[in-house]
N, C-alpha and C. Protein backbone atom coordinates (compact mmCIF):
# COMPACT_ATOMS: atom_id res chain seq x y z
N UNK A 1 -113.83 -79.08 98.50
CA UNK A 1 -115.29 -79.29 98.61
C UNK A 1 -115.83 -79.52 100.69
N UNK A 2 -114.89 -79.88 101.47
CA UNK A 2 -115.01 -80.23 102.41
C UNK A 2 -115.33 -79.12 103.62
N UNK A 3 -114.13 -78.22 103.01
CA UNK A 3 -114.37 -76.60 103.91
C UNK A 3 -115.58 -75.99 103.45
N UNK A 4 -116.15 -75.68 102.53
CA UNK A 4 -117.32 -75.13 102.26
C UNK A 4 -118.32 -76.28 102.60
N UNK A 5 -118.53 -77.30 102.45
CA UNK A 5 -119.66 -77.93 102.97
C UNK A 5 -119.79 -77.72 104.99
N UNK A 6 -118.75 -77.89 105.56
CA UNK A 6 -118.11 -77.76 107.15
C UNK A 6 -118.72 -75.90 107.70
N UNK A 7 -118.35 -75.02 106.25
CA UNK A 7 -118.71 -73.87 106.57
C UNK A 7 -120.35 -73.52 106.66
N UNK A 8 -120.78 -74.03 105.19
CA UNK A 8 -122.07 -73.22 105.60
C UNK A 8 -122.34 -74.27 106.17
N UNK A 9 -122.55 -75.12 107.16
CA UNK A 9 -122.92 -75.59 108.37
C UNK A 9 -123.06 -75.35 109.39
N UNK A 10 -121.42 -74.49 109.69
CA UNK A 10 -121.29 -74.10 110.77
C UNK A 10 -122.40 -72.13 110.89
N UNK A 11 -122.44 -71.95 109.29
CA UNK A 11 -123.00 -70.82 109.41
C UNK A 11 -124.63 -70.60 109.68
N UNK A 12 -124.84 -71.88 109.07
CA UNK A 12 -126.50 -72.02 109.42
C UNK A 12 -126.75 -72.49 110.87
N UNK A 13 -126.18 -73.04 111.30
CA UNK A 13 -126.05 -73.63 113.03
C UNK A 13 -125.59 -72.29 113.75
N UNK A 14 -124.82 -71.51 113.58
CA UNK A 14 -124.03 -70.89 114.29
C UNK A 14 -125.47 -69.07 114.16
N UNK A 15 -125.82 -69.46 113.15
CA UNK A 15 -126.75 -67.96 113.01
C UNK A 15 -127.80 -68.53 113.62
N UNK A 16 -128.41 -69.50 113.33
CA UNK A 16 -129.99 -69.84 113.87
C UNK A 16 -129.97 -69.68 115.54
N UNK A 17 -128.40 -70.19 116.01
CA UNK A 17 -128.04 -70.46 117.37
C UNK A 17 -128.22 -68.89 118.11
N UNK A 18 -127.52 -67.61 117.07
CA UNK A 18 -127.09 -66.20 117.57
C UNK A 18 -128.39 -65.75 117.48
N UNK A 19 -129.25 -66.16 116.29
CA UNK A 19 -130.97 -65.15 116.57
C UNK A 19 -131.79 -65.52 117.80
N UNK A 20 -131.54 -66.83 118.19
CA UNK A 20 -132.42 -67.48 119.19
C UNK A 20 -131.83 -66.68 120.61
N UNK A 21 -130.66 -66.41 120.30
CA UNK A 21 -129.75 -65.53 122.08
C UNK A 21 -129.85 -64.29 121.81
N UNK A 22 -129.79 -64.07 121.37
CA UNK A 22 -129.87 -62.80 121.00
C UNK A 22 -130.85 -61.87 120.41
N UNK A 23 -132.15 -62.56 120.38
CA UNK A 23 -133.56 -61.84 120.33
C UNK A 23 -133.54 -61.18 121.13
N UNK A 24 -133.85 -61.40 122.80
CA UNK A 24 -134.07 -60.34 123.48
C UNK A 24 -133.54 -58.79 123.23
N UNK A 25 -132.07 -58.96 122.90
CA UNK A 25 -131.54 -57.91 122.39
C UNK A 25 -131.60 -57.32 121.11
N UNK A 26 -132.15 -57.99 120.08
CA UNK A 26 -132.62 -58.04 118.74
C UNK A 26 -134.17 -57.04 118.94
N UNK A 27 -135.18 -57.38 119.52
CA UNK A 27 -136.68 -56.93 119.98
C UNK A 27 -135.96 -55.59 120.59
N UNK A 28 -135.29 -55.56 121.53
CA UNK A 28 -135.40 -54.42 122.24
C UNK A 28 -134.50 -53.13 121.18
N UNK A 29 -133.42 -53.37 120.89
CA UNK A 29 -133.06 -52.45 119.67
C UNK A 29 -133.93 -51.85 118.57
N UNK A 30 -135.11 -52.72 118.39
CA UNK A 30 -135.61 -52.70 117.13
C UNK A 30 -136.98 -51.75 117.26
N UNK A 31 -137.17 -52.12 118.86
CA UNK A 31 -138.42 -51.36 119.26
C UNK A 31 -137.48 -49.71 119.88
N UNK A 32 -136.72 -50.16 120.36
CA UNK A 32 -135.83 -48.41 120.54
C UNK A 32 -136.01 -47.95 119.47
N UNK A 33 -135.35 -48.59 118.10
CA UNK A 33 -135.02 -47.56 117.00
C UNK A 33 -136.74 -47.06 116.65
N UNK A 34 -137.56 -47.59 116.26
CA UNK A 34 -138.54 -47.45 115.97
C UNK A 34 -139.32 -45.86 116.68
N UNK A 35 -138.96 -46.19 118.39
CA UNK A 35 -139.79 -45.11 119.03
C UNK A 35 -139.02 -43.41 118.93
N UNK A 36 -137.75 -43.84 119.07
CA UNK A 36 -136.56 -42.54 118.45
C UNK A 36 -137.00 -41.99 117.42
N UNK A 37 -136.87 -43.19 116.38
CA UNK A 37 -137.30 -42.70 115.01
C UNK A 37 -138.43 -43.42 114.27
N UNK A 38 -139.32 -42.82 114.72
CA UNK A 38 -140.96 -43.57 113.74
C UNK A 38 -141.00 -43.39 112.49
N UNK A 39 -140.83 -42.38 111.87
CA UNK A 39 -140.48 -41.72 110.39
C UNK A 39 -139.70 -42.29 109.43
N UNK A 40 -138.71 -43.53 110.03
CA UNK A 40 -137.49 -44.08 109.18
C UNK A 40 -138.03 -46.11 109.70
N UNK A 41 -137.24 -46.71 108.77
CA UNK A 41 -137.00 -47.82 109.05
C UNK A 41 -136.68 -48.57 110.37
N UNK A 42 -136.49 -49.71 110.06
CA UNK A 42 -136.13 -50.31 111.87
C UNK A 42 -134.96 -50.93 110.75
N UNK A 43 -134.34 -51.12 110.00
CA UNK A 43 -133.50 -51.41 109.03
C UNK A 43 -132.52 -50.27 108.43
N UNK A 44 -131.24 -50.21 108.41
CA UNK A 44 -130.77 -49.43 107.70
C UNK A 44 -130.95 -49.29 106.13
N UNK A 45 -131.41 -47.46 105.66
CA UNK A 45 -131.58 -47.88 104.22
C UNK A 45 -130.32 -47.46 103.85
N UNK A 46 -129.39 -47.92 103.38
CA UNK A 46 -127.99 -47.92 102.77
C UNK A 46 -127.92 -48.67 101.57
N UNK A 47 -126.51 -48.20 100.99
CA UNK A 47 -126.28 -48.72 99.86
C UNK A 47 -126.20 -50.28 100.08
N UNK A 48 -126.50 -50.97 98.73
CA UNK A 48 -126.27 -52.34 98.47
C UNK A 48 -124.71 -52.73 98.57
N UNK A 49 -124.30 -54.39 99.29
CA UNK A 49 -122.47 -54.05 99.94
C UNK A 49 -122.24 -55.35 98.47
N UNK A 50 -121.08 -55.47 98.11
CA UNK A 50 -120.24 -56.67 97.54
C UNK A 50 -120.51 -57.81 98.14
N UNK A 51 -121.13 -59.00 97.08
CA UNK A 51 -121.02 -60.10 98.10
C UNK A 51 -119.91 -60.70 97.40
N UNK A 52 -119.70 -62.05 96.90
CA UNK A 52 -118.74 -62.82 96.65
C UNK A 52 -119.09 -62.48 95.23
N UNK A 53 -118.03 -62.53 94.29
CA UNK A 53 -117.99 -62.15 92.84
C UNK A 53 -118.40 -61.18 92.52
N UNK A 54 -118.64 -59.97 93.29
CA UNK A 54 -118.61 -58.73 92.72
C UNK A 54 -120.29 -58.77 93.01
N UNK A 55 -121.28 -59.39 92.88
CA UNK A 55 -122.25 -59.11 93.27
C UNK A 55 -123.27 -58.53 94.28
N UNK A 56 -124.20 -57.82 94.29
CA UNK A 56 -124.42 -56.40 95.16
C UNK A 56 -125.36 -57.36 95.73
N UNK A 57 -126.18 -57.00 97.32
CA UNK A 57 -126.68 -57.84 97.94
C UNK A 57 -127.44 -56.57 99.05
N UNK A 58 -128.09 -56.55 100.01
CA UNK A 58 -129.00 -55.96 100.58
C UNK A 58 -128.37 -56.43 102.05
N UNK A 59 -127.56 -55.67 102.69
CA UNK A 59 -127.29 -56.42 104.11
C UNK A 59 -127.84 -55.76 105.47
N UNK A 60 -128.46 -56.60 106.37
CA UNK A 60 -129.52 -55.98 107.13
C UNK A 60 -128.45 -55.78 108.33
N UNK A 61 -129.04 -54.62 108.60
CA UNK A 61 -128.04 -54.13 110.16
C UNK A 61 -129.42 -52.88 110.27
N UNK A 62 -129.64 -52.68 111.57
CA UNK A 62 -130.67 -52.01 112.19
C UNK A 62 -129.76 -50.66 111.55
N UNK A 63 -131.20 -49.07 111.92
CA UNK A 63 -130.84 -48.21 111.32
C UNK A 63 -130.37 -47.20 112.66
N UNK A 64 -129.07 -46.88 112.80
CA UNK A 64 -128.69 -45.81 113.71
C UNK A 64 -128.49 -44.36 113.25
N UNK A 65 -129.29 -44.23 111.68
CA UNK A 65 -128.89 -42.61 111.60
C UNK A 65 -130.63 -42.15 110.98
N UNK A 66 -130.04 -41.11 110.94
CA UNK A 66 -131.45 -40.26 110.26
C UNK A 66 -132.21 -41.14 109.13
N UNK A 67 -133.26 -41.20 108.58
CA UNK A 67 -133.45 -41.28 107.67
C UNK A 67 -133.08 -41.05 106.71
N UNK A 68 -132.59 -41.33 105.15
CA UNK A 68 -132.03 -41.18 104.19
C UNK A 68 -130.18 -40.68 104.13
N UNK A 69 -129.95 -40.95 105.63
CA UNK A 69 -128.61 -40.84 105.56
C UNK A 69 -127.59 -40.57 104.60
N UNK A 70 -127.57 -41.88 103.78
CA UNK A 70 -126.74 -42.21 102.49
C UNK A 70 -126.83 -40.54 101.92
N UNK A 71 -128.77 -39.92 101.28
CA UNK A 71 -128.81 -38.58 100.72
C UNK A 71 -128.19 -37.94 101.47
N UNK A 72 -128.40 -38.15 102.53
CA UNK A 72 -128.08 -36.73 103.16
C UNK A 72 -126.19 -36.54 102.96
N UNK A 73 -126.09 -37.55 103.06
CA UNK A 73 -124.39 -37.60 103.05
C UNK A 73 -124.28 -36.61 101.70
N UNK A 74 -124.36 -37.48 100.49
CA UNK A 74 -124.24 -37.15 99.36
C UNK A 74 -124.38 -35.81 99.03
N UNK A 75 -125.44 -34.68 99.60
CA UNK A 75 -125.69 -33.17 99.61
C UNK A 75 -124.71 -33.12 100.25
N UNK A 76 -123.85 -33.38 101.00
CA UNK A 76 -123.20 -32.37 101.65
C UNK A 76 -121.52 -33.16 101.29
N UNK A 77 -121.28 -32.00 100.69
CA UNK A 77 -119.99 -33.14 99.57
C UNK A 77 -118.87 -32.73 100.76
N UNK A 78 -118.98 -31.58 101.87
CA UNK A 78 -117.23 -31.45 102.85
C UNK A 78 -117.76 -32.38 103.60
N UNK A 79 -119.22 -33.28 103.73
CA UNK A 79 -118.91 -34.22 104.87
C UNK A 79 -118.76 -35.47 104.18
N UNK A 80 -118.69 -35.70 103.04
CA UNK A 80 -118.75 -37.03 102.68
C UNK A 80 -117.20 -37.07 101.84
N UNK A 81 -116.92 -35.84 101.89
CA UNK A 81 -115.22 -35.97 101.99
C UNK A 81 -114.79 -36.48 102.86
N UNK A 82 -114.72 -35.65 104.13
CA UNK A 82 -114.44 -36.09 105.70
C UNK A 82 -114.84 -37.28 106.01
N UNK A 83 -115.35 -38.17 105.08
CA UNK A 83 -116.50 -39.40 105.09
C UNK A 83 -114.71 -40.12 105.00
N UNK A 84 -114.72 -39.74 103.70
CA UNK A 84 -113.54 -40.77 102.64
C UNK A 84 -112.14 -40.85 103.24
N UNK A 85 -111.84 -39.56 103.21
CA UNK A 85 -110.96 -39.25 103.96
C UNK A 85 -110.55 -39.98 106.19
N UNK A 86 -111.52 -40.73 106.18
CA UNK A 86 -111.55 -40.70 107.12
C UNK A 86 -111.95 -42.53 107.45
N UNK A 87 -111.23 -42.87 106.17
CA UNK A 87 -111.56 -44.48 106.37
C UNK A 87 -112.80 -44.81 106.40
N UNK A 88 -113.13 -43.89 105.97
CA UNK A 88 -115.20 -44.10 105.71
C UNK A 88 -116.22 -44.03 106.82
N UNK A 89 -115.58 -43.47 107.66
CA UNK A 89 -116.34 -43.67 108.68
C UNK A 89 -116.14 -42.38 109.59
N UNK A 90 -117.18 -41.63 110.52
CA UNK A 90 -116.77 -40.45 111.10
C UNK A 90 -116.92 -41.23 112.46
N UNK A 91 -116.52 -40.31 113.61
CA UNK A 91 -116.48 -40.06 114.95
C UNK A 91 -117.29 -39.81 115.43
N UNK A 92 -117.82 -38.26 115.22
CA UNK A 92 -119.20 -38.27 115.65
C UNK A 92 -119.87 -37.62 114.48
N UNK A 93 -120.97 -38.49 113.87
CA UNK A 93 -121.53 -38.42 112.52
C UNK A 93 -123.18 -37.72 112.55
N UNK A 94 -123.08 -36.30 112.10
CA UNK A 94 -124.54 -35.62 112.40
C UNK A 94 -125.74 -36.65 112.15
N UNK A 95 -125.64 -37.30 111.44
CA UNK A 95 -126.33 -38.17 110.82
C UNK A 95 -126.71 -39.42 112.05
N UNK A 96 -126.25 -39.59 113.16
CA UNK A 96 -126.52 -40.53 114.10
C UNK A 96 -127.82 -40.21 115.19
N UNK A 97 -128.57 -41.44 115.26
CA UNK A 97 -129.41 -40.88 116.13
C UNK A 97 -129.51 -41.12 117.58
N UNK A 98 -129.74 -40.94 118.73
CA UNK A 98 -129.71 -40.89 120.29
C UNK A 98 -129.30 -41.80 120.50
N UNK A 99 -128.04 -42.68 121.09
CA UNK A 99 -127.41 -43.81 121.61
C UNK A 99 -126.91 -44.63 120.79
N UNK A 100 -126.90 -43.96 119.51
CA UNK A 100 -126.42 -44.88 118.37
C UNK A 100 -125.02 -45.15 118.69
N UNK A 101 -124.04 -44.25 119.51
CA UNK A 101 -122.87 -44.82 119.49
C UNK A 101 -122.78 -45.77 120.80
N UNK A 102 -124.10 -45.82 121.55
CA UNK A 102 -123.87 -47.64 122.56
C UNK A 102 -123.43 -48.22 121.38
N UNK A 103 -124.93 -48.24 120.44
CA UNK A 103 -125.22 -49.66 119.66
C UNK A 103 -124.35 -49.85 118.71
N UNK A 104 -123.38 -49.28 118.61
CA UNK A 104 -122.26 -49.02 117.26
C UNK A 104 -121.35 -49.90 117.74
N UNK A 105 -120.97 -49.03 119.08
CA UNK A 105 -119.97 -49.33 119.77
C UNK A 105 -119.81 -51.38 119.94
N UNK A 106 -120.88 -52.09 120.39
CA UNK A 106 -121.08 -53.34 121.10
C UNK A 106 -121.26 -54.08 119.88
N UNK A 107 -121.58 -53.50 118.72
CA UNK A 107 -122.32 -54.26 117.37
C UNK A 107 -123.46 -54.57 117.02
N UNK A 108 -124.46 -53.63 118.12
CA UNK A 108 -125.46 -54.41 118.25
C UNK A 108 -126.16 -54.10 116.76
N UNK A 109 -126.03 -53.18 116.12
CA UNK A 109 -127.03 -52.68 114.69
C UNK A 109 -126.36 -54.06 113.93
N UNK A 110 -125.18 -54.78 114.41
CA UNK A 110 -125.08 -55.68 113.12
C UNK A 110 -125.74 -57.35 113.65
N UNK A 111 -126.50 -57.21 114.29
CA UNK A 111 -127.06 -58.44 114.67
C UNK A 111 -127.76 -59.48 113.50
N UNK A 112 -128.58 -57.99 113.01
CA UNK A 112 -129.72 -58.80 111.97
C UNK A 112 -129.05 -59.50 110.90
N UNK A 113 -127.92 -59.08 110.55
CA UNK A 113 -126.66 -59.59 109.94
C UNK A 113 -126.54 -61.20 109.82
N UNK A 114 -127.30 -61.85 110.68
CA UNK A 114 -127.35 -63.37 110.89
C UNK A 114 -128.53 -63.77 109.94
N UNK A 115 -129.42 -62.77 109.41
CA UNK A 115 -130.38 -63.23 108.45
C UNK A 115 -129.54 -63.25 106.96
N UNK A 116 -128.81 -62.56 106.85
CA UNK A 116 -127.92 -62.79 105.64
C UNK A 116 -126.91 -63.68 105.22
N UNK A 117 -126.49 -64.31 106.75
CA UNK A 117 -126.06 -65.38 106.83
C UNK A 117 -127.08 -66.60 106.60
N UNK A 118 -128.59 -66.83 106.45
CA UNK A 118 -129.06 -68.01 106.81
C UNK A 118 -129.53 -67.55 104.93
N UNK A 119 -129.28 -67.22 104.40
CA UNK A 119 -129.79 -66.49 103.19
C UNK A 119 -128.83 -66.71 102.60
N UNK A 120 -127.43 -66.62 103.14
CA UNK A 120 -126.04 -67.40 102.21
C UNK A 120 -125.41 -66.20 101.12
N UNK A 121 -126.21 -65.21 101.63
CA UNK A 121 -124.97 -63.83 101.22
C UNK A 121 -123.81 -64.09 101.85
N UNK A 122 -123.77 -64.15 103.28
CA UNK A 122 -123.06 -63.63 103.88
C UNK A 122 -122.48 -64.52 105.15
N UNK A 123 -121.18 -64.92 105.58
CA UNK A 123 -120.39 -66.22 106.33
C UNK A 123 -121.07 -65.27 107.88
N UNK A 124 -120.41 -66.28 108.46
CA UNK A 124 -120.14 -65.59 110.21
C UNK A 124 -118.79 -65.55 109.98
N UNK A 125 -117.98 -65.70 109.04
CA UNK A 125 -116.66 -65.17 109.28
C UNK A 125 -116.17 -65.20 107.52
N UNK A 126 -115.42 -63.80 108.07
CA UNK A 126 -114.92 -63.65 106.44
C UNK A 126 -114.62 -62.19 106.04
N UNK A 127 -114.44 -61.73 105.13
CA UNK A 127 -113.58 -60.21 104.75
C UNK A 127 -115.11 -59.07 105.18
N UNK A 128 -114.64 -58.08 105.49
CA UNK A 128 -115.92 -57.16 105.75
C UNK A 128 -116.07 -56.88 104.38
N UNK A 129 -118.02 -56.91 104.52
CA UNK A 129 -118.67 -56.79 103.29
C UNK A 129 -118.43 -54.79 102.54
N UNK A 130 -117.75 -54.62 102.27
CA UNK A 130 -117.30 -53.73 101.57
C UNK A 130 -118.74 -53.11 100.65
N UNK A 131 -119.02 -51.13 100.83
CA UNK A 131 -120.00 -51.16 99.49
C UNK A 131 -118.76 -51.21 98.20
N UNK A 132 -119.50 -50.92 97.10
CA UNK A 132 -118.94 -51.15 95.45
C UNK A 132 -118.09 -49.72 95.87
N UNK A 133 -118.57 -48.68 95.50
CA UNK A 133 -118.10 -47.68 95.48
C UNK A 133 -116.98 -47.11 96.71
N UNK A 134 -117.18 -47.77 97.87
CA UNK A 134 -116.13 -47.80 98.71
C UNK A 134 -114.59 -48.37 97.69
N UNK A 135 -114.82 -49.83 97.83
CA UNK A 135 -113.52 -50.33 96.41
C UNK A 135 -112.86 -49.47 95.50
N UNK A 136 -114.20 -49.00 94.76
CA UNK A 136 -113.61 -48.10 93.47
C UNK A 136 -113.13 -47.43 93.89
N UNK A 137 -113.56 -46.31 95.09
CA UNK A 137 -112.72 -45.27 95.81
C UNK A 137 -111.56 -45.47 95.81
N UNK A 138 -111.37 -46.60 96.70
CA UNK A 138 -110.25 -46.64 97.32
C UNK A 138 -109.12 -47.19 96.55
N UNK A 139 -109.19 -47.99 95.58
CA UNK A 139 -108.30 -48.73 94.68
C UNK A 139 -107.64 -47.34 93.46
N UNK A 140 -109.10 -46.77 93.43
CA UNK A 140 -108.24 -45.25 93.05
C UNK A 140 -107.20 -44.19 93.77
N UNK A 141 -107.31 -44.85 95.03
CA UNK A 141 -106.64 -43.77 95.96
C UNK A 141 -104.98 -44.81 96.01
N UNK A 142 -105.33 -46.38 96.45
CA UNK A 142 -104.64 -47.20 96.58
C UNK A 142 -104.34 -47.62 95.28
N UNK A 143 -103.24 -47.94 93.74
CA UNK A 143 -104.19 -48.95 92.96
C UNK A 143 -103.39 -50.38 93.37
N UNK A 144 -102.37 -50.09 94.35
CA UNK A 144 -101.62 -51.37 94.92
C UNK A 144 -102.77 -52.46 95.60
N UNK A 145 -103.61 -51.94 95.43
CA UNK A 145 -104.61 -52.60 96.67
C UNK A 145 -105.51 -53.37 95.86
N UNK A 146 -105.37 -53.46 94.67
CA UNK A 146 -105.99 -54.22 93.21
C UNK A 146 -106.24 -55.44 93.26
N UNK A 147 -105.01 -56.34 93.65
CA UNK A 147 -105.28 -58.06 93.65
C UNK A 147 -105.42 -58.33 94.81
N UNK A 148 -105.50 -57.70 95.91
CA UNK A 148 -106.01 -57.80 97.39
C UNK A 148 -107.62 -57.32 97.18
N UNK A 149 -107.75 -56.69 96.61
CA UNK A 149 -109.28 -56.67 96.40
C UNK A 149 -110.14 -57.78 95.27
N UNK A 150 -109.56 -58.33 94.91
CA UNK A 150 -110.11 -58.90 93.62
C UNK A 150 -109.83 -60.62 94.57
N UNK A 151 -108.65 -60.58 95.40
CA UNK A 151 -109.53 -61.90 96.26
C UNK A 151 -109.87 -62.19 97.45
N UNK A 152 -110.42 -60.85 97.96
CA UNK A 152 -111.44 -60.54 98.77
C UNK A 152 -113.08 -60.79 98.66
N UNK A 153 -113.22 -60.41 97.44
CA UNK A 153 -114.57 -60.27 96.45
C UNK A 153 -114.31 -62.13 96.05
N UNK A 154 -113.53 -62.84 96.08
CA UNK A 154 -113.38 -64.27 95.95
C UNK A 154 -114.22 -65.25 97.01
N UNK A 155 -114.61 -64.88 97.63
CA UNK A 155 -115.43 -65.68 99.21
C UNK A 155 -116.26 -64.19 99.19
N UNK A 156 -117.17 -65.36 100.21
CA UNK A 156 -118.15 -64.89 100.59
C UNK A 156 -117.88 -63.62 101.96
N UNK A 157 -118.68 -62.65 102.50
CA UNK A 157 -118.13 -61.56 103.10
C UNK A 157 -118.54 -61.90 104.74
N UNK A 158 -118.09 -61.99 105.72
CA UNK A 158 -118.73 -62.25 107.13
C UNK A 158 -119.28 -60.90 107.93
N UNK A 159 -119.97 -61.58 109.04
CA UNK A 159 -120.48 -60.83 110.16
C UNK A 159 -118.64 -60.98 110.87
N UNK A 160 -118.02 -61.67 110.99
CA UNK A 160 -116.72 -61.25 111.75
C UNK A 160 -115.69 -61.44 111.10
N UNK A 161 -114.47 -61.17 111.17
CA UNK A 161 -113.57 -61.76 110.35
C UNK A 161 -111.77 -61.08 110.71
N UNK A 162 -110.70 -61.09 110.15
CA UNK A 162 -109.78 -61.56 110.64
C UNK A 162 -109.22 -60.01 111.03
N UNK A 163 -109.70 -59.25 110.54
CA UNK A 163 -108.90 -58.24 111.08
C UNK A 163 -109.80 -57.48 111.86
N UNK A 164 -111.51 -57.80 111.90
CA UNK A 164 -111.84 -57.16 112.94
C UNK A 164 -111.44 -57.33 114.78
N UNK A 165 -111.30 -58.82 114.10
CA UNK A 165 -110.42 -59.50 115.39
C UNK A 165 -108.69 -58.99 116.07
N UNK A 166 -108.55 -57.90 115.00
CA UNK A 166 -106.77 -57.33 115.10
C UNK A 166 -107.06 -56.13 115.03
N UNK A 167 -107.91 -55.46 115.38
CA UNK A 167 -108.12 -53.67 115.62
C UNK A 167 -109.46 -53.19 114.90
N UNK A 168 -109.85 -53.85 114.24
CA UNK A 168 -111.85 -53.45 113.48
C UNK A 168 -111.17 -52.53 112.92
N UNK A 169 -111.79 -51.78 112.82
CA UNK A 169 -112.13 -50.14 111.91
C UNK A 169 -111.09 -48.90 112.13
N UNK A 170 -110.25 -49.22 113.13
CA UNK A 170 -109.04 -48.50 113.63
C UNK A 170 -108.09 -49.18 112.37
N UNK A 171 -107.84 -50.03 111.68
CA UNK A 171 -107.11 -50.16 110.66
C UNK A 171 -107.42 -50.21 109.20
N UNK A 172 -106.37 -48.90 108.76
CA UNK A 172 -106.62 -48.52 107.92
C UNK A 172 -106.84 -49.13 106.36
N UNK A 173 -107.12 -48.40 105.08
CA UNK A 173 -107.71 -49.60 104.39
C UNK A 173 -106.38 -50.59 104.13
N UNK A 174 -105.72 -49.67 102.92
CA UNK A 174 -104.51 -50.74 102.38
C UNK A 174 -104.24 -51.99 103.54
N UNK A 175 -104.10 -51.55 105.31
CA UNK A 175 -103.86 -52.62 106.03
C UNK A 175 -104.86 -53.77 106.41
N UNK A 176 -106.61 -53.10 106.09
CA UNK A 176 -107.69 -53.63 106.25
C UNK A 176 -107.62 -55.02 105.14
N UNK A 177 -107.47 -54.46 103.96
CA UNK A 177 -107.83 -55.24 102.76
C UNK A 177 -106.62 -56.34 102.49
N UNK A 178 -105.60 -55.95 102.60
CA UNK A 178 -104.67 -57.14 103.08
C UNK A 178 -104.75 -58.25 103.90
N UNK A 179 -105.31 -57.61 104.77
CA UNK A 179 -105.73 -58.76 105.73
C UNK A 179 -107.05 -59.47 105.73
N UNK A 180 -107.62 -59.13 105.14
CA UNK A 180 -108.80 -59.90 104.70
C UNK A 180 -108.33 -61.19 103.04
N UNK A 181 -107.45 -59.90 102.55
CA UNK A 181 -107.18 -60.94 101.07
C UNK A 181 -106.35 -61.97 101.95
N UNK A 182 -105.61 -61.82 103.02
CA UNK A 182 -104.66 -62.84 103.59
C UNK A 182 -105.75 -64.14 104.16
N UNK A 183 -106.74 -63.74 104.46
CA UNK A 183 -107.84 -64.61 105.02
C UNK A 183 -108.78 -65.59 103.76
N UNK A 184 -108.89 -64.53 102.89
CA UNK A 184 -108.93 -65.05 101.61
C UNK A 184 -108.77 -66.46 100.87
N UNK A 185 -107.13 -66.15 100.59
CA UNK A 185 -106.43 -67.35 100.57
C UNK A 185 -105.98 -68.11 101.24
N UNK A 186 -105.75 -68.07 102.68
CA UNK A 186 -105.69 -69.13 103.56
C UNK A 186 -107.29 -69.69 104.31
N UNK A 187 -108.11 -69.14 103.98
CA UNK A 187 -109.43 -69.27 105.33
C UNK A 187 -108.76 -70.95 105.31
N UNK A 188 -109.67 -71.66 106.37
CA UNK A 188 -109.69 -72.47 106.87
C UNK A 188 -110.99 -73.20 108.26
N UNK A 189 -111.30 -74.20 108.41
CA UNK A 189 -112.14 -74.14 109.65
C UNK A 189 -111.94 -73.55 110.95
N UNK A 190 -110.33 -74.14 110.95
CA UNK A 190 -109.06 -74.05 112.23
C UNK A 190 -109.26 -72.37 112.45
N UNK A 191 -108.88 -71.66 111.17
CA UNK A 191 -108.97 -70.35 111.05
C UNK A 191 -110.02 -69.75 111.78
N UNK A 192 -111.23 -69.79 110.90
CA UNK A 192 -112.42 -69.63 111.51
C UNK A 192 -113.04 -69.78 112.98
N UNK A 193 -112.56 -70.84 113.20
CA UNK A 193 -113.46 -70.80 114.90
C UNK A 193 -112.31 -70.34 115.48
N UNK A 194 -110.98 -70.15 115.33
CA UNK A 194 -110.40 -69.19 115.94
C UNK A 194 -110.77 -67.42 116.12
N UNK A 195 -110.69 -67.14 114.42
CA UNK A 195 -111.70 -66.08 114.96
C UNK A 195 -113.10 -66.08 115.03
N UNK A 196 -114.30 -66.92 115.73
CA UNK A 196 -114.99 -67.02 116.48
C UNK A 196 -114.96 -66.52 117.58
N UNK A 197 -113.80 -67.37 118.38
CA UNK A 197 -113.67 -67.41 119.79
C UNK A 197 -112.80 -66.05 120.03
N UNK A 198 -112.15 -65.67 118.75
CA UNK A 198 -111.88 -64.29 119.56
C UNK A 198 -112.84 -63.21 119.53
N UNK A 199 -113.67 -62.95 118.84
CA UNK A 199 -114.89 -61.95 118.57
C UNK A 199 -115.49 -61.40 119.55
N UNK A 200 -115.88 -62.53 120.89
CA UNK A 200 -116.59 -61.98 121.65
C UNK A 200 -116.03 -60.91 122.52
N UNK A 201 -114.81 -61.08 122.34
CA UNK A 201 -113.72 -60.19 123.59
C UNK A 201 -113.39 -59.02 122.98
N UNK A 202 -113.20 -58.94 121.37
CA UNK A 202 -113.35 -57.92 120.35
C UNK A 202 -114.63 -56.59 120.76
N UNK A 203 -115.93 -57.92 120.93
CA UNK A 203 -117.11 -57.05 121.05
C UNK A 203 -117.26 -56.68 122.32
N UNK A 204 -116.82 -57.22 122.99
CA UNK A 204 -117.11 -56.38 125.00
C UNK A 204 -116.03 -55.32 125.11
N UNK A 205 -115.00 -55.31 123.92
CA UNK A 205 -114.20 -54.36 124.13
C UNK A 205 -114.54 -52.77 123.82
N UNK A 206 -115.54 -53.27 122.25
CA UNK A 206 -115.88 -51.81 121.51
C UNK A 206 -114.80 -51.51 120.83
N UNK A 207 -113.55 -52.03 120.77
CA UNK A 207 -112.38 -51.65 119.87
C UNK A 207 -112.67 -51.25 118.25
N UNK A 208 -111.98 -50.12 118.15
CA UNK A 208 -113.08 -49.63 117.07
C UNK A 208 -113.90 -50.04 116.33
N UNK A 209 -115.21 -50.23 116.65
CA UNK A 209 -116.27 -50.38 116.42
C UNK A 209 -116.88 -49.43 115.22
N UNK A 210 -117.37 -49.77 114.25
CA UNK A 210 -117.27 -48.60 112.93
C UNK A 210 -119.29 -48.67 112.84
């Protein structure tokens, strides 16, 4: 109980602080996206993510792709297969907008997720916010991860987490879900603070950003 209260307090204070501190970057990014792609929304029009208990929610991220990017992916089966086989990311995604690599490398697109933290859908620290279809697809390929997936869905997803500071998206799905599962079972205020302290270095290095 005390951990839940402490974690929620840290989430609220931390997300408000970050929204204020990063407000200049957030404003510049929003204006830039609207200028280079005026026909689309500022926030990514991507499918909902899996929250605690498997509930789905809309995660706010700056759009770094063409409008209706997911529909474009589904209409190009060969691209979708490459996307799935490459751990649900593409190094040279044809859907990216100009400047998207820089925005994603330094996780600027993820700054709006502090809004999700305020709403209570996410936490500052937690497992990755997976797509429901991603979990279903990966469980079929790696059935041994079923127990880990269940553990991951027992807590709120986070903006940052143990796997992000351990290699981020360069980690394969089976290893990533194991790390997320470990966090879900061992989480504590001390572990959260340790991850938060390691996050700036991971962001500035741009290692494995997705």
